[in-house]
Protein backbone atom coordinates (compact mmCIF):
# COMPACT_ATOMS: atom_id res chain seq x y z
CA MET A 1 0.05 -0.09 -0.22
CA VAL A 2 2.42 2.61 -1.37
CA ASP A 3 1.07 6.18 -2.24
CA THR A 4 3.99 8.72 -2.78
CA LEU A 5 1.88 12.14 -3.17
CA GLU A 6 2.21 14.49 -0.92
CA LYS A 7 0.01 16.34 1.31
CA ALA A 8 -1.42 19.66 -0.44
CA PRO A 9 -1.30 22.73 1.35
CA THR A 10 -4.24 23.16 3.51
CA PRO A 11 -6.96 25.34 1.75
CA ARG A 12 -8.89 27.99 3.16
CA LEU A 13 -12.72 27.97 4.08
CA VAL A 14 -15.07 31.17 2.91
CA LEU A 15 -18.14 31.41 4.42
CA ARG A 16 -20.81 33.73 2.49
CA ALA A 17 -24.06 34.41 4.54
CA ASP A 18 -26.90 36.37 3.21
CA GLY A 19 -27.92 37.43 6.45
CA ASN A 20 -27.61 40.08 9.23
CA SER A 21 -28.46 40.53 12.67
CA GLN A 22 -31.89 41.54 11.77
CA LEU A 23 -33.02 39.10 9.14
CA GLY A 24 -31.25 35.70 8.08
CA LEU A 25 -29.34 35.59 11.14
CA GLY A 26 -29.92 31.77 11.35
CA HIS A 27 -27.87 31.54 8.19
CA VAL A 28 -24.79 33.19 9.88
CA MET A 29 -25.14 31.06 12.82
CA ARG A 30 -25.57 28.11 10.42
CA LEU A 31 -21.76 29.06 8.99
CA LEU A 32 -20.39 29.70 12.55
CA ALA A 33 -21.43 26.07 13.99
CA LEU A 34 -20.26 24.91 10.67
CA ALA A 35 -16.54 26.60 11.19
CA GLU A 36 -16.23 25.86 14.59
CA LEU A 37 -16.16 21.79 13.26
CA LEU A 38 -14.17 22.47 10.91
CA ARG A 39 -11.40 24.93 12.30
CA ALA A 40 -8.73 22.32 12.32
CA ASP A 41 -8.78 21.22 8.92
CA PHE A 42 -8.41 24.82 7.19
CA SER A 43 -5.73 27.22 7.52
CA GLU A 44 -8.25 30.46 7.31
CA ILE A 45 -11.27 30.73 7.87
CA THR A 46 -13.22 33.69 6.15
CA PHE A 47 -16.47 35.39 6.64
CA LEU A 48 -18.03 37.43 3.74
CA LEU A 49 -21.14 39.31 4.94
CA GLN A 50 -22.88 42.77 3.78
CA THR A 51 -22.93 45.35 5.99
CA PRO A 52 -22.44 43.81 9.09
CA ASP A 53 -23.49 45.78 12.23
CA THR A 54 -21.50 46.11 15.74
CA ALA A 55 -23.25 43.10 17.27
CA LEU A 56 -22.56 40.82 14.56
CA ALA A 57 -18.86 41.70 13.94
CA ASN A 58 -18.16 40.93 17.63
CA LEU A 59 -20.19 37.61 17.35
CA LEU A 60 -17.32 36.76 14.06
CA GLN A 61 -14.55 38.39 16.34
CA GLU A 62 -15.64 35.76 19.45
CA ALA A 63 -15.58 33.23 17.41
CA ALA A 64 -12.02 34.18 16.00
CA VAL A 65 -12.90 34.22 12.08
CA GLU A 66 -12.00 36.98 9.75
CA LEU A 67 -14.63 39.30 8.70
CA VAL A 68 -14.63 40.99 5.80
CA ALA A 69 -17.66 43.48 5.28
CA LEU A 70 -19.16 43.40 1.51
CA PRO A 71 -20.83 46.36 0.24
CA ALA A 72 -24.59 46.75 0.07
CA ALA A 73 -24.94 45.91 -3.59
CA LEU A 74 -27.32 43.75 -5.29
CA VAL A 75 -26.26 39.79 -4.16
CA ALA A 76 -26.21 38.58 -7.84
CA ALA A 77 -23.41 41.21 -8.93
CA GLU A 78 -21.31 39.98 -6.47
CA PRO A 79 -19.44 37.21 -8.62
CA ALA A 80 -18.44 39.79 -11.49
CA THR A 81 -17.91 42.83 -9.22
CA VAL A 82 -16.97 42.18 -5.53
CA LEU A 83 -15.53 38.73 -5.22
CA PRO A 84 -12.86 38.15 -7.87
CA PRO A 85 -10.22 39.69 -5.77
CA LEU A 86 -11.19 38.39 -2.68
CA LEU A 87 -11.58 34.65 -3.69
CA ARG A 88 -8.60 32.36 -3.86
CA PRO A 89 -8.61 29.41 -6.76
CA THR A 90 -7.68 26.92 -3.84
CA ASP A 91 -10.93 28.37 -1.55
CA VAL A 92 -13.53 26.28 -0.40
CA LEU A 93 -16.61 28.37 -0.54
CA VAL A 94 -19.73 27.80 1.19
CA LEU A 95 -22.90 29.66 0.42
CA ASP A 96 -26.07 30.08 3.08
CA GLY A 97 -28.73 32.20 2.18
CA TYR A 98 -31.64 32.29 -0.40
CA GLY A 99 -29.98 34.74 -3.12
CA PHE A 100 -27.70 32.27 -3.73
CA ASP A 101 -29.22 30.80 -7.15
CA PHE A 102 -27.95 28.69 -9.88
CA ALA A 103 -26.70 31.84 -12.13
CA TYR A 104 -24.91 32.86 -8.88
CA GLN A 105 -23.37 29.25 -8.17
CA SER A 106 -22.43 29.18 -12.07
CA ALA A 107 -20.71 32.33 -12.04
CA VAL A 108 -18.73 32.18 -8.73
CA ARG A 109 -18.10 28.36 -9.31
CA SER A 110 -15.06 29.40 -11.56
CA LEU A 111 -13.35 31.47 -9.07
CA VAL A 112 -12.44 28.33 -6.10
CA ALA A 113 -11.43 24.96 -5.92
CA HIS A 114 -14.81 23.87 -4.47
CA LEU A 115 -18.40 25.33 -4.00
CA VAL A 116 -20.55 23.78 -1.03
CA CYS A 117 -24.46 25.34 -0.45
CA LEU A 118 -26.49 24.94 2.45
CA ASP A 119 -29.92 24.59 1.68
CA ASP A 120 -33.38 23.99 3.21
CA LEU A 121 -35.55 24.95 0.13
CA HIS A 122 -34.29 22.92 -3.08
CA ALA A 123 -36.19 25.92 -5.39
CA PHE A 124 -33.59 25.87 -7.98
CA PRO A 125 -30.75 23.80 -9.71
CA PHE A 126 -27.75 23.85 -8.15
CA ALA A 127 -23.99 24.13 -9.43
CA ALA A 128 -22.36 23.21 -6.43
CA ASP A 129 -20.03 19.98 -5.59
CA LEU A 130 -21.97 19.24 -2.55
CA VAL A 131 -25.40 20.32 -1.36
CA LEU A 132 -26.27 20.20 2.57
CA ASN A 133 -29.79 20.01 3.72
CA PRO A 134 -29.74 19.17 7.38
CA ALA A 135 -33.91 18.32 6.88
CA GLY A 136 -34.22 14.43 6.98
CA GLY A 137 -36.06 12.54 4.45
CA LEU A 138 -34.98 13.77 1.41
CA THR A 139 -33.07 12.08 -1.80
CA THR A 140 -31.44 13.20 -5.03
CA ALA A 141 -34.74 13.13 -6.11
CA HIS A 142 -35.78 16.26 -4.73
CA TYR A 143 -33.06 18.35 -5.84
CA ASP A 144 -31.65 19.47 -9.47
CA LEU A 145 -27.45 18.97 -9.20
CA ARG A 146 -25.99 20.04 -12.15
CA ALA A 147 -22.28 19.18 -11.07
CA PRO A 148 -21.32 15.99 -12.17
CA THR A 149 -20.24 14.79 -9.46
CA ALA A 150 -22.30 16.69 -7.02
CA ARG A 151 -23.10 14.80 -3.40
CA LEU A 152 -26.10 15.69 -1.43
CA LEU A 153 -26.00 15.36 2.27
CA ALA A 154 -29.39 15.19 4.09
CA GLY A 155 -30.31 14.60 7.41
CA PRO A 156 -29.49 15.50 11.14
CA GLY A 157 -26.38 13.64 10.68
CA TYR A 158 -25.16 16.30 9.01
CA ALA A 159 -26.36 19.24 11.10
CA PRO A 160 -23.50 21.44 11.62
CA LEU A 161 -24.38 22.19 15.77
CA ARG A 162 -22.14 24.14 18.06
CA ALA A 163 -20.23 21.79 20.21
CA ALA A 164 -22.18 23.11 23.48
CA PHE A 165 -25.31 21.29 22.37
CA GLY A 166 -23.63 17.78 22.78
CA ARG A 167 -24.53 15.57 25.23
CA PRO A 168 -22.20 16.40 28.38
CA ALA A 169 -19.80 13.62 29.00
CA GLY A 170 -19.59 11.77 32.75
CA PRO A 171 -22.69 10.46 34.44
CA ALA A 172 -25.91 11.42 32.87
CA ALA A 173 -28.03 13.99 34.60
CA PRO A 174 -31.59 13.79 35.89
CA VAL A 175 -34.33 14.06 33.39
CA ALA A 176 -35.99 17.34 33.15
CA PRO A 177 -39.62 16.90 33.69
CA PRO A 178 -41.94 18.01 31.21
CA SER A 179 -43.67 20.62 33.38
CA HIS A 180 -40.67 23.05 32.80
CA VAL A 181 -41.14 24.50 28.80
CA LEU A 182 -38.68 26.27 27.17
CA VAL A 183 -39.88 28.53 24.17
CA CYS A 184 -37.87 30.13 21.31
CA LEU A 185 -39.38 31.20 18.13
CA GLY A 186 -36.50 32.56 16.35
CA GLY A 187 -34.02 35.14 17.49
CA ALA A 188 -35.98 37.98 15.96
CA ASP A 189 -39.51 36.62 16.45
CA PRO A 190 -40.83 39.58 13.74
CA ARG A 191 -44.06 38.09 14.15
CA HIS A 192 -44.04 38.62 18.35
CA LEU A 193 -45.22 34.72 18.51
CA THR A 194 -43.12 34.29 21.91
CA ARG A 195 -45.35 36.27 24.34
CA ALA A 196 -48.71 34.59 22.85
CA THR A 197 -47.12 31.24 23.24
CA ALA A 198 -45.60 31.95 26.82
CA ALA A 199 -49.15 33.12 28.00
CA ALA A 200 -51.01 29.88 26.48
CA LEU A 201 -48.65 27.71 28.43
CA LEU A 202 -49.13 29.63 31.57
CA ALA A 203 -52.47 28.82 30.97
CA LEU A 204 -52.05 25.36 31.65
CA PRO A 205 -52.26 24.23 34.98
CA ALA A 206 -49.76 21.35 34.37
CA VAL A 207 -46.69 23.84 33.32
CA ALA A 208 -44.81 24.35 36.41
CA HIS A 209 -42.39 26.83 34.90
CA VAL A 210 -42.07 28.74 31.11
CA HIS A 211 -38.58 29.78 29.83
CA ALA A 212 -38.72 32.04 27.04
CA VAL A 213 -35.42 32.77 25.08
CA VAL A 214 -35.27 35.69 22.45
CA GLY A 215 -32.33 37.07 20.43
CA SER A 216 -30.37 40.35 20.48
CA ALA A 217 -32.33 41.46 17.52
CA TYR A 218 -35.86 41.18 18.96
CA ALA A 219 -37.64 44.05 18.66
CA GLY A 220 -40.10 45.54 21.36
CA TRP A 221 -37.85 43.89 24.04
CA ALA A 222 -38.97 46.68 26.76
CA GLU A 223 -42.68 45.66 26.18
CA LEU A 224 -41.81 41.99 26.49
CA ARG A 225 -40.17 42.61 29.44
CA ALA A 226 -42.72 44.45 31.09
CA TRP A 227 -45.25 42.02 30.46
CA ALA A 228 -43.11 39.12 31.57
CA ALA A 229 -42.90 40.86 34.92
CA ALA A 230 -46.22 40.97 35.40
CA GLN A 231 -46.53 37.17 34.51
CA GLY A 232 -45.28 36.30 38.36
CA PRO A 233 -42.53 33.95 39.01
CA ARG A 234 -43.68 30.89 36.63
CA LEU A 235 -42.09 33.12 33.56
CA THR A 236 -38.51 33.41 33.41
CA LEU A 237 -37.37 35.62 30.07
CA HIS A 238 -33.94 35.40 28.69
CA ARG A 239 -32.07 37.37 25.96
CA ALA A 240 -29.21 36.72 23.50
CA LEU A 241 -27.78 33.66 25.43
CA PRO A 242 -24.08 32.32 24.66
CA ALA A 243 -24.35 28.66 22.94
CA GLY A 244 -23.63 27.40 26.42
CA GLN A 245 -26.04 28.74 28.41
CA LEU A 246 -28.66 28.14 26.12
CA ALA A 247 -27.58 24.52 25.93
CA ALA A 248 -27.70 24.42 30.18
CA LEU A 249 -31.07 25.88 29.70
CA MET A 250 -32.41 23.34 27.25
CA ARG A 251 -31.23 20.36 29.64
CA GLN A 252 -33.37 21.67 32.43
CA CYS A 253 -36.81 21.60 30.12
CA GLY A 254 -38.24 18.75 29.36
CA ALA A 255 -40.51 20.11 26.58
CA ALA A 256 -40.02 22.78 24.31
CA VAL A 257 -42.03 24.52 21.98
CA LEU A 258 -39.45 25.58 19.27
CA SER A 259 -39.65 27.00 15.60
CA PRO A 260 -38.53 23.65 13.56
CA SER A 261 -35.20 25.25 12.53
CA THR A 262 -31.98 25.00 14.16
CA VAL A 263 -33.06 25.59 17.58
CA SER A 264 -35.18 22.10 17.61
CA TYR A 265 -31.98 20.14 16.22
CA GLU A 266 -29.96 21.82 19.27
CA TYR A 267 -32.70 20.61 21.61
CA CYS A 268 -32.57 17.37 20.39
CA ALA A 269 -28.80 16.91 20.36
CA ALA A 270 -28.36 18.35 24.03
CA GLY A 271 -30.69 16.24 25.50
CA GLY A 272 -34.14 16.27 24.00
CA GLY A 273 -37.68 15.74 25.35
CA LEU A 274 -40.92 16.79 24.58
CA LEU A 275 -40.26 18.91 21.52
CA LEU A 276 -43.19 20.65 20.03
CA THR A 277 -42.79 22.36 16.67
CA LEU A 278 -44.63 25.73 15.78
CA PRO A 279 -43.55 26.84 12.10
CA THR A 280 -42.52 30.78 11.97
CA ALA A 281 -41.18 30.75 8.40
CA ASP A 282 -42.07 28.89 5.03
CA ASN A 283 -38.61 27.70 4.46
CA GLN A 284 -39.39 25.53 7.55
CA HIS A 285 -41.80 23.28 6.03
CA ASP A 286 -38.92 20.25 5.47
CA LEU A 287 -37.57 20.35 8.58
CA ASP A 288 -40.84 20.51 10.57
CA HIS A 289 -42.20 17.18 8.31
CA PHE A 290 -39.01 15.34 8.83
CA LEU A 291 -38.86 16.04 12.60
CA ARG A 292 -42.82 14.91 13.35
CA ALA A 293 -42.38 11.80 10.29
CA ALA A 294 -39.56 10.59 12.25
CA GLY A 295 -41.13 10.31 15.80
CA LEU A 296 -38.91 13.34 17.05
CA ALA A 297 -41.60 16.05 17.34
CA LEU A 298 -45.24 16.58 17.87
CA PRO A 299 -47.33 20.05 16.37
CA TYR A 300 -47.58 22.54 18.98
CA PRO A 301 -51.77 22.77 18.70
CA THR A 302 -51.53 19.29 20.40
CA ALA A 303 -49.70 21.28 23.35
CA PRO A 304 -52.76 21.82 25.87
CA ASN A 305 -53.80 18.04 25.25
CA VAL A 306 -50.16 16.49 25.39
CA LEU A 307 -48.51 18.99 28.31
CA THR A 308 -51.76 18.12 30.92
CA ALA A 309 -51.84 14.20 30.32
CA ALA A 310 -50.88 11.80 32.86
CA GLU A 311 -48.75 9.90 29.99
CA ALA A 312 -46.41 13.24 29.32
CA PRO A 313 -43.26 12.04 30.81
CA ARG A 314 -43.74 8.90 28.97
CA LEU A 315 -44.38 10.51 25.98
CA ALA A 316 -41.32 12.77 26.74
CA GLU A 317 -39.00 9.77 27.23
CA GLN A 318 -40.53 8.01 23.57
CA LEU A 319 -39.69 11.26 21.51
CA ARG A 320 -35.91 11.68 23.74
CA GLN A 321 -35.14 8.09 22.74
CA ALA A 322 -36.02 8.58 18.86
CA GLN A 323 -34.03 11.88 19.27
CA ARG A 324 -30.56 10.22 20.56
CA ARG A 325 -30.94 7.88 17.49
CA HIS A 326 -30.78 10.50 15.14
CA PHE A 327 -28.37 13.13 17.23
CA ASP A 328 -25.44 10.60 18.29
CA GLY A 329 -22.93 13.54 18.40
CA GLN A 330 -21.04 12.16 15.09
CA GLN A 331 -22.12 15.41 13.16
CA GLY A 332 -18.76 17.22 13.58
CA PRO A 333 -16.74 13.99 12.37
CA ARG A 334 -19.15 13.22 9.64
CA LEU A 335 -18.76 16.93 7.82
CA ARG A 336 -14.83 17.12 8.63
CA GLN A 337 -14.61 13.30 6.76
CA GLU A 338 -17.09 14.75 3.88
CA PHE A 339 -15.17 18.08 3.59
CA ALA A 340 -11.75 16.61 3.48
CA ALA A 341 -13.40 13.85 0.88
CA LEU A 342 -14.34 16.86 -1.30
CA GLN A 343 -10.69 17.63 -2.01
CA VAL A 344 -9.61 14.52 -3.01
CA PRO A 345 -9.40 14.48 -7.15
CA ALA A 346 -11.13 11.43 -8.57
CA ALA A 347 -8.82 8.63 -9.83
CA PRO A 348 -9.10 7.10 -13.23
CA LEU A 349 -10.78 3.70 -11.34
CA ARG A 350 -13.87 2.01 -11.54
CA LEU A 351 -14.99 -0.74 -9.05
CA ARG A 352 -16.55 -4.15 -10.06
CA LEU A 353 -16.87 -7.16 -7.90
CA VAL A 354 -14.24 -9.41 -7.59
CA GLN A 355 -15.02 -12.98 -9.43
CA ALA A 356 -13.36 -16.30 -9.11
CA SER A 357 -11.54 -15.96 -11.91
CA ASP A 358 -9.60 -12.75 -10.43
CA SER A 359 -8.01 -15.22 -8.13
CA ALA A 360 -4.19 -14.92 -9.46
CA GLN A 361 -4.52 -11.59 -10.06
CA LEU A 362 -5.14 -11.12 -6.17
CA LEU A 363 -2.51 -13.58 -5.06
CA ALA A 364 -0.04 -11.67 -7.00
CA TRP A 365 -0.94 -8.55 -5.46
CA THR A 366 -0.83 -10.12 -1.88
CA ASN A 367 2.46 -11.85 -2.52
CA ASP A 368 3.88 -8.89 -3.71
CA PRO A 369 7.25 -8.17 -1.54
CA ALA A 370 6.09 -4.30 -0.57
CA THR A 371 2.59 -5.58 -0.01
CA ARG A 372 3.95 -8.27 2.45
CA GLN A 373 6.16 -5.90 4.23
CA GLN A 374 3.65 -3.68 5.41
CA SER A 375 1.11 -6.39 6.12
CA PHE A 376 0.77 -7.90 9.67
CA ASP A 377 1.89 -11.22 8.37
CA PRO A 378 5.06 -10.79 6.48
CA ALA A 379 4.53 -14.50 5.37
CA PRO A 380 4.06 -15.10 1.76
CA VAL A 381 0.50 -17.07 1.26
CA PRO A 382 0.15 -20.23 -0.17
CA LEU A 383 -1.95 -20.75 -3.17
CA ALA A 384 -4.33 -23.18 -1.47
CA ARG A 385 -4.84 -20.63 1.76
CA HIS A 386 -5.94 -17.91 -0.67
CA GLU A 387 -8.02 -20.01 -3.11
CA ALA A 388 -9.95 -21.18 0.34
CA TRP A 389 -10.04 -17.54 1.36
CA LEU A 390 -11.24 -16.01 -1.68
CA ALA A 391 -13.75 -19.12 -2.15
CA GLY A 392 -15.13 -18.44 1.79
CA GLN A 393 -15.42 -14.82 0.78
CA LEU A 394 -17.53 -14.91 -2.30
CA ALA A 395 -19.72 -17.24 -1.06
CA GLN A 396 -20.92 -14.87 1.90
CA PRO A 397 -22.03 -11.68 0.19
CA ALA A 398 -23.97 -10.39 3.04
CA ARG A 399 -20.68 -10.43 5.26
CA TYR A 400 -17.82 -9.90 2.47
CA LEU A 401 -17.70 -7.08 -0.07
CA LEU A 402 -14.27 -7.53 -2.46
CA LEU A 403 -14.08 -4.52 -4.85
CA LEU A 404 -11.77 -4.98 -7.76
CA ALA A 405 -10.58 -1.38 -9.16
CA GLU A 406 -9.72 -1.36 -12.66
CA ALA A 407 -8.12 1.69 -14.99
CA THR A 408 -10.77 3.30 -17.14
CA ALA A 409 -8.58 3.55 -19.97
CA THR A 410 -7.26 0.45 -20.16
CA ASN A 411 -9.49 -1.96 -18.10
CA GLU A 412 -6.57 -3.28 -16.65
CA PRO A 413 -6.52 -4.55 -12.78
CA ALA A 414 -5.23 -1.73 -10.88
CA GLY A 415 -6.23 -2.94 -6.95
CA LEU A 416 -8.20 -4.41 -4.45
CA ILE A 417 -10.38 -2.81 -1.90
CA ARG A 418 -12.48 -5.31 0.56
CA PHE A 419 -14.81 -5.17 3.46
CA ALA A 420 -15.46 -7.64 6.41
CA LEU A 421 -18.90 -7.06 8.10
CA ASN A 422 -19.05 -7.69 11.89
CA THR A 423 -20.70 -6.45 14.68
CA ILE A 424 -19.01 -4.09 17.69
CA ASN A 425 -20.57 -4.90 21.18
CA GLU A 426 -19.86 -2.32 23.90
CA PRO A 427 -21.23 -2.46 27.25
CA GLY A 428 -24.04 0.05 27.71
CA THR A 429 -24.27 0.58 23.87
CA GLU A 430 -26.25 -0.84 20.90
CA PRO A 431 -24.11 -3.11 18.64
CA GLU A 432 -22.68 -1.15 16.01
CA PRO A 433 -22.54 -2.90 12.80
CA THR A 434 -19.13 -2.47 11.29
CA ALA A 435 -16.80 -2.59 8.07
CA THR A 436 -13.15 -3.74 8.50
CA LEU A 437 -11.49 -2.71 4.93
CA SER A 438 -8.13 -3.58 3.42
CA TYR A 439 -6.80 -2.23 0.19
CA SER A 440 -3.75 -2.58 -2.14
CA LEU A 441 -2.72 -1.07 -5.36
CA ALA A 442 -0.84 -2.93 -8.10
CA PRO A 443 2.92 -2.36 -8.27
CA GLU A 444 2.58 -0.23 -11.43
CA CYS A 445 -0.20 1.86 -10.05
CA ARG A 446 1.63 3.05 -7.07
CA GLY A 447 3.10 6.57 -6.39
CA ARG A 448 0.23 8.16 -8.40
CA GLY A 449 -1.92 9.05 -5.67
CA TRP A 450 -4.81 6.60 -5.97
CA ALA A 451 -4.95 5.51 -2.77
CA ALA A 452 -7.01 7.87 -1.13
CA PRO A 453 -9.36 7.96 -4.04
CA LEU A 454 -9.24 4.19 -3.70
CA LEU A 455 -10.20 4.43 -0.02
CA LEU A 456 -13.17 6.96 -0.84
CA ALA A 457 -14.54 5.28 -3.69
CA GLY A 458 -14.68 2.03 -1.84
CA THR A 459 -16.41 3.45 1.31
CA ARG A 460 -19.14 4.84 -1.09
CA ALA A 461 -19.76 1.54 -2.51
CA VAL A 462 -20.16 -0.76 0.75
CA LEU A 463 -22.37 2.20 2.48
CA ALA A 464 -24.44 2.34 -0.68
CA ALA A 465 -24.39 -1.89 -0.52
CA LEU A 466 -25.02 -2.14 3.11
CA PRO A 467 -26.55 1.28 4.46
CA HIS A 468 -26.76 -0.34 7.99
CA VAL A 469 -23.17 -0.40 8.45
CA ALA A 470 -22.25 2.50 11.39
CA ARG A 471 -18.25 2.55 10.81
CA VAL A 472 -15.97 1.46 8.73
CA LEU A 473 -12.36 0.74 9.80
CA GLY A 474 -9.20 0.43 8.64
CA GLU A 475 -6.18 -0.82 10.35
CA VAL A 476 -2.41 -0.14 9.11
CA LYS A 477 1.22 -0.65 10.46
CA ALA A 478 2.00 2.40 12.67
CA ASP A 479 5.24 2.82 10.20
CA ASN A 480 3.46 2.87 6.97
CA VAL A 481 3.41 6.25 6.62
CA ALA A 482 1.90 6.40 2.61
CA SER A 483 -1.41 4.16 3.97
CA VAL A 484 -1.78 6.68 7.18
CA ARG A 485 -1.81 9.55 4.42
CA ALA A 486 -3.99 7.97 2.29
CA PHE A 487 -6.72 7.49 5.13
CA ARG A 488 -6.08 11.02 6.15
CA ARG A 489 -6.98 12.17 2.61
CA ALA A 490 -9.72 10.23 2.03
CA GLY A 491 -11.27 11.80 4.84
CA TYR A 492 -10.98 9.30 7.78
CA GLY A 493 -10.24 10.07 11.03
CA GLU A 494 -7.92 8.23 13.53
CA VAL A 495 -9.40 6.49 16.44
CA ALA A 496 -8.64 4.31 19.54
CA GLY A 497 -8.29 0.55 17.99
CA THR A 498 -8.12 -2.77 19.17
CA GLY A 499 -5.92 -4.19 16.06
CA PRO A 500 -2.76 -5.38 16.24
CA VAL A 501 0.43 -4.14 18.32
CA GLY A 502 1.71 -1.41 16.13
CA SER A 503 -0.71 -0.48 14.40
CA ARG A 504 -3.12 2.17 13.99
CA THR A 505 -6.90 2.07 13.30
CA PHE A 506 -8.80 4.92 11.27
CA ALA A 507 -12.78 4.92 10.80
CA TRP A 508 -15.29 6.97 8.92
CA VAL A 509 -18.49 7.60 10.52
CA ALA A 510 -21.75 6.38 8.44
CA ALA A 511 -24.64 8.64 8.81
CA PRO A 512 -28.01 7.43 10.66
CA VAL A 513 -31.11 6.25 8.02
CA ALA A 514 -32.96 9.60 7.83
């Protein structure tokens, strides 16, 4: 397993949000969460915003990202007039906003190395290499993806969430009762639904306390605060809570009335409970539908019946368990591996299933001196043992997947990647279906930078064929520098392993089926 390609310079991550403190702040916050998750993988992170106000500039400064203020011009004109001197050919550009339509994407695509779009409307075609929609239940059939190798990442398994909203390590805290209700209907809440919703909840005798949260951009704060002061001790009003404080508050509330937006995902990830969704904008349709269809939330109009029912604690726990299945704390590793994979150039290879007639070729690669040197067992493999091994693996397609790589130009065999399925059982956790891989390249194909693309193509193939697999693992000798580099380039992260002494283990984390 030899791949001598040197590691390319770390690119810059450029984030362009169509939003400000008054409108579209959710786009900004989503990209800030993404920046937090990807910080270790990029040499620089730059935020592009039109005329940011002081509060937003301070927020970005606290997040330690560079801010470039754009003029208040037409968004559609940016690729031709504003962006060319600001972008580099090696940049990864991420767009989040409704003004970045297909024409905008097409115009900006040539200015950067890779283009990513965060989306929740699928309202126009996309020229991006990667489209990310945190709503579940979506497939490429919902999208018009125009880039030849474009990928869609959909579902909460890829939701960019700030680290504060992960479940805390250590012993589990007591579960909060559903009689304590969190209300958060958007930072600005332009329709002023917070007051009406809090009042309706306070009218329910089963509700012991309501915590209402608004953002710094909320208009009419003085009036809301005066009203809240007259409601008595069952209502606490909060404004512009930092992520850590909001997450702590969520864990104190066993029920929540939230807009079906990022805040609902944050609640599910932080611990969850009896989630009631109240849409506040048209662009929340997909997320609202998914949350309810997947058993993660109930519609807000059911609140009077649900919160006053004797079954409320049981129902809250039922939703909490479903939320934990979808929000497993692995969103960050998944996004990091996908952004790394985005930068792996495709090799001129295609994969097909191994056949019995490939036996001689596979044995020749297996016994190649360089391959044996990097194997955990360096002894040559006898023909009889090899043939028995291959026959046994081909006879169990539900447990083994063997893929031969062929050069697209010549149809000549170029390498092998194979997967063995097993289940890892750890105390206190659900059994985890895992595929462990090994790979090799033909001697004449080494040194071309094909190892990482082979790993990536094989990983995509096994997850498509066996969608129940939770992780893909690879174990290599610690001194196999080329393979270590290949796994990292392909997006694999190093994890603690139980492999042979002197080995290193790398993992690809699959997304829950959404």
